[in-house]
C-alpha atoms as a PDB file:
ATOM      1  CA  MET A   1      -0.288   0.014  -0.257  1.00  0.00           C
ATOM      2  CA  THR A   2       1.470   3.412  -0.668  1.00  0.00           C
ATOM      3  CA  SER A   3       1.035   6.787   1.216  1.00  0.00           C
ATOM      4  CA  PRO A   4      -1.433   9.254  -0.427  1.00  0.00           C
ATOM      5  CA  THR A   5       0.161  12.050  -2.298  1.00  0.00           C
ATOM      6  CA  LEU A   6      -0.683  15.668  -1.295  1.00  0.00           C
ATOM      7  CA  ASP A   7      -2.900  16.024  -4.320  1.00  0.00           C
ATOM      8  CA  GLU A   8      -5.015  12.566  -3.068  1.00  0.00           C
ATOM      9  CA  LEU A   9      -5.344  14.530   0.106  1.00  0.00           C
ATOM     10  CA  THR A  10      -6.201  17.836  -0.758  1.00  0.00           C
ATOM     11  CA  ASP A  11      -8.972  16.283  -2.989  1.00  0.00           C
ATOM     12  CA  GLU A  12     -10.385  14.272  -0.125  1.00  0.00           C
ATOM     13  CA  LEU A  13     -10.199  17.534   2.015  1.00  0.00           C
ATOM     14  CA  LEU A  14     -12.119  19.536  -0.778  1.00  0.00           C
ATOM     15  CA  ARG A  15     -14.916  16.974  -0.157  1.00  0.00           C
ATOM     16  CA  LEU A  16     -15.002  17.129   3.347  1.00  0.00           C
ATOM     17  CA  ALA A  17     -14.898  21.134   3.055  1.00  0.00           C
ATOM     18  CA  PRO A  18     -16.017  22.405  -0.082  1.00  0.00           C
ATOM     19  CA  ALA A  19     -15.731  25.935   1.173  1.00  0.00           C
ATOM     20  CA  LEU A  20     -11.901  25.526   1.005  1.00  0.00           C
ATOM     21  CA  ASP A  21     -10.078  26.519  -2.154  1.00  0.00           C
ATOM     22  CA  ARG A  22      -7.198  24.003  -3.408  1.00  0.00           C
ATOM     23  CA  GLU A  23      -4.503  26.448  -1.944  1.00  0.00           C
ATOM     24  CA  GLN A  24      -6.137  26.547   1.180  1.00  0.00           C
ATOM     25  CA  ALA A  25      -6.878  22.878   1.498  1.00  0.00           C
ATOM     26  CA  ALA A  26      -3.196  21.962   0.574  1.00  0.00           C
ATOM     27  CA  ALA A  27      -2.217  24.881   3.198  1.00  0.00           C
ATOM     28  CA  VAL A  28      -4.021  22.884   5.778  1.00  0.00           C
ATOM     29  CA  LEU A  29      -2.452  19.630   5.396  1.00  0.00           C
ATOM     30  CA  ARG A  30       0.737  20.948   5.173  1.00  0.00           C
ATOM     31  CA  LYS A  31       0.362  22.535   8.989  1.00  0.00           C
ATOM     32  CA  ALA A  32      -1.005  19.300   9.859  1.00  0.00           C
ATOM     33  CA  TYR A  33       2.152  17.013   8.704  1.00  0.00           C
ATOM     34  CA  ARG A  34       4.484  19.844  10.243  1.00  0.00           C
ATOM     35  CA  ALA A  35       2.765  19.576  13.705  1.00  0.00           C
ATOM     36  CA  GLY A  36       2.434  15.602  13.378  1.00  0.00           C
ATOM     37  CA  LEU A  37       6.392  15.527  12.774  1.00  0.00           C
ATOM     38  CA  ASP A  38       7.185  18.042  15.507  1.00  0.00           C
ATOM     39  CA  HIS A  39       4.662  15.979  18.070  1.00  0.00           C
ATOM     40  CA  GLY A  40       6.401  12.616  16.879  1.00  0.00           C
ATOM     41  CA  ARG A  41       9.866  14.131  17.583  1.00  0.00           C
ATOM     42  CA  GLN A  42       8.678  15.486  20.978  1.00  0.00           C
ATOM     43  CA  GLU A  43       7.520  12.434  22.023  1.00  0.00           C
ATOM     44  CA  HIS A  44      10.991  10.775  20.930  1.00  0.00           C
ATOM     45  CA  ALA A  45      12.874  13.322  22.793  1.00  0.00           C
ATOM     46  CA  GLU A  46      10.642  12.283  25.949  1.00  0.00           C
ATOM     47  CA  GLY A  47      11.044   8.762  25.466  1.00  0.00           C
ATOM     48  CA  LEU A  48      14.526   9.024  25.401  1.00  0.00           C
ATOM     49  CA  GLU A  49      14.539  11.435  28.304  1.00  0.00           C
ATOM     50  CA  HIS A  50      12.838   8.961  30.438  1.00  0.00           C
ATOM     51  CA  GLY A  51      14.865   5.600  29.366  1.00  0.00           C
ATOM     52  CA  GLY A  52      11.986   4.381  27.024  1.00  0.00           C
ATOM     53  CA  TRP A  53       9.333   4.054  28.985  1.00  0.00           C
END
């Protein structure tokens, strides 16, 4: 299974929120992606800090 592309996710978001334009929808997805990366890094760092518990 391959990961969905930004275009595919943008299309899906536009179906769910038709008031957004394509550029806005892509910006929301990029923002969510960056937030997820930051959260994952933070959790990883906390795990290392606490010995992996």
